Amino acid sequence: MISTVPHFVFLIALLMLFIAMILVLLRLYKGPTLYDRVLSTNSFGTQTVLFIGVLGFLSGRPDFLDIALPVSYTHLRAHET
């Protein structure tokens, strides 16, 4: 019972991240200004890294974090220019 509680909590977190990613994509599409679109792109990249990390924890594969690190680095480099 105790081991299923964190699993359930991370499953809820994964679902909420997915919903947040959909909402951010809607903001990217409907954003009235360029600033809204840039901000939503930045937020989507951050949520993608979080999504990969939580998914790796849920699947029991910590090597997903090795995938999340280059994604976060690419996200950082994309917003420096």
Protein backbone atom coordinates (compact mmCIF):
# COMPACT_ATOMS: atom_id res chain seq x y z
CA MET A 1 0.00 0.00 0.00
CA ILE A 2 2.74 2.45 0.93
CA SER A 3 4.68 1.84 -2.28
CA THR A 4 1.63 2.57 -4.43
CA VAL A 5 0.99 6.00 -2.90
CA PRO A 6 4.08 7.68 -4.44
CA HIS A 7 3.33 5.91 -7.71
CA PHE A 8 -0.20 7.35 -7.68
CA VAL A 9 1.08 10.83 -6.79
CA PHE A 10 3.58 10.81 -9.65
CA LEU A 11 0.91 9.52 -12.01
CA ILE A 12 -1.30 12.48 -11.08
CA ALA A 13 1.69 14.80 -11.55
CA LEU A 14 2.31 13.33 -15.00
CA LEU A 15 -1.31 13.87 -15.96
CA MET A 16 -1.25 17.46 -14.72
CA LEU A 17 1.98 18.14 -16.63
CA PHE A 18 0.39 16.78 -19.79
CA ILE A 19 -2.64 19.04 -19.36
CA ALA A 20 -0.35 22.02 -18.69
CA MET A 21 1.61 21.23 -21.85
CA ILE A 22 -1.59 21.23 -23.89
CA LEU A 23 -2.61 24.58 -22.39
CA VAL A 24 0.81 26.04 -23.17
CA LEU A 25 0.52 24.87 -26.77
CA LEU A 26 -2.84 26.60 -26.98
CA ARG A 27 -1.21 29.79 -25.70
CA LEU A 28 1.49 29.36 -28.32
CA TYR A 29 -1.12 29.10 -31.03
CA LYS A 30 -3.45 31.86 -29.81
CA GLY A 31 -0.92 34.23 -28.25
CA PRO A 32 -1.77 37.75 -29.34
CA THR A 33 1.80 39.03 -28.99
CA LEU A 34 5.23 37.72 -29.77
CA TYR A 35 6.10 37.86 -26.07
CA ASP A 36 3.30 35.39 -25.28
CA ARG A 37 4.61 32.99 -27.89
CA VAL A 38 8.21 33.17 -26.66
CA LEU A 39 7.10 32.69 -23.07
CA SER A 40 4.97 29.68 -23.97
CA THR A 41 7.84 28.12 -25.91
CA ASN A 42 10.09 28.52 -22.89
CA SER A 43 7.46 27.04 -20.60
CA PHE A 44 6.86 24.11 -22.94
CA GLY A 45 10.55 23.23 -22.95
CA THR A 46 10.70 23.27 -19.16
CA GLN A 47 7.59 21.13 -18.88
CA THR A 48 9.00 18.67 -21.40
CA VAL A 49 12.07 18.11 -19.22
CA LEU A 50 9.85 17.61 -16.17
CA PHE A 51 7.60 15.24 -18.10
CA ILE A 52 10.55 13.08 -19.16
CA GLY A 53 11.87 12.98 -15.59
CA VAL A 54 8.54 11.96 -14.04
CA LEU A 55 7.94 9.42 -16.80
CA GLY A 56 11.35 7.89 -16.11
CA PHE A 57 10.54 7.60 -12.42
CA LEU A 58 7.18 5.98 -13.10
CA SER A 59 8.56 3.47 -15.56
CA GLY A 60 11.43 2.56 -13.25
CA ARG A 61 14.03 3.59 -15.80
CA PRO A 62 16.35 6.26 -14.38
CA ASP A 63 18.15 6.43 -17.71
CA PHE A 64 15.34 8.71 -18.89
CA LEU A 65 17.12 11.42 -16.92
CA ASP A 66 20.04 10.94 -19.31
CA ILE A 67 17.61 11.91 -22.06
CA ALA A 68 16.20 14.86 -20.11
CA LEU A 69 19.61 16.48 -19.62
CA PRO A 70 20.41 17.00 -23.34
CA VAL A 71 16.85 18.18 -23.91
CA SER A 72 17.26 20.80 -21.18
CA TYR A 73 20.64 21.84 -22.57
CA THR A 74 19.16 22.22 -26.06
CA HIS A 75 16.30 24.22 -24.57
CA LEU A 76 18.78 26.51 -22.83
CA ARG A 77 20.88 27.02 -25.95
CA ALA A 78 17.82 27.75 -28.09
CA HIS A 79 16.85 30.69 -25.89
CA GLU A 80 20.30 32.22 -25.68
CA THR A 81 20.29 33.47 -29.24
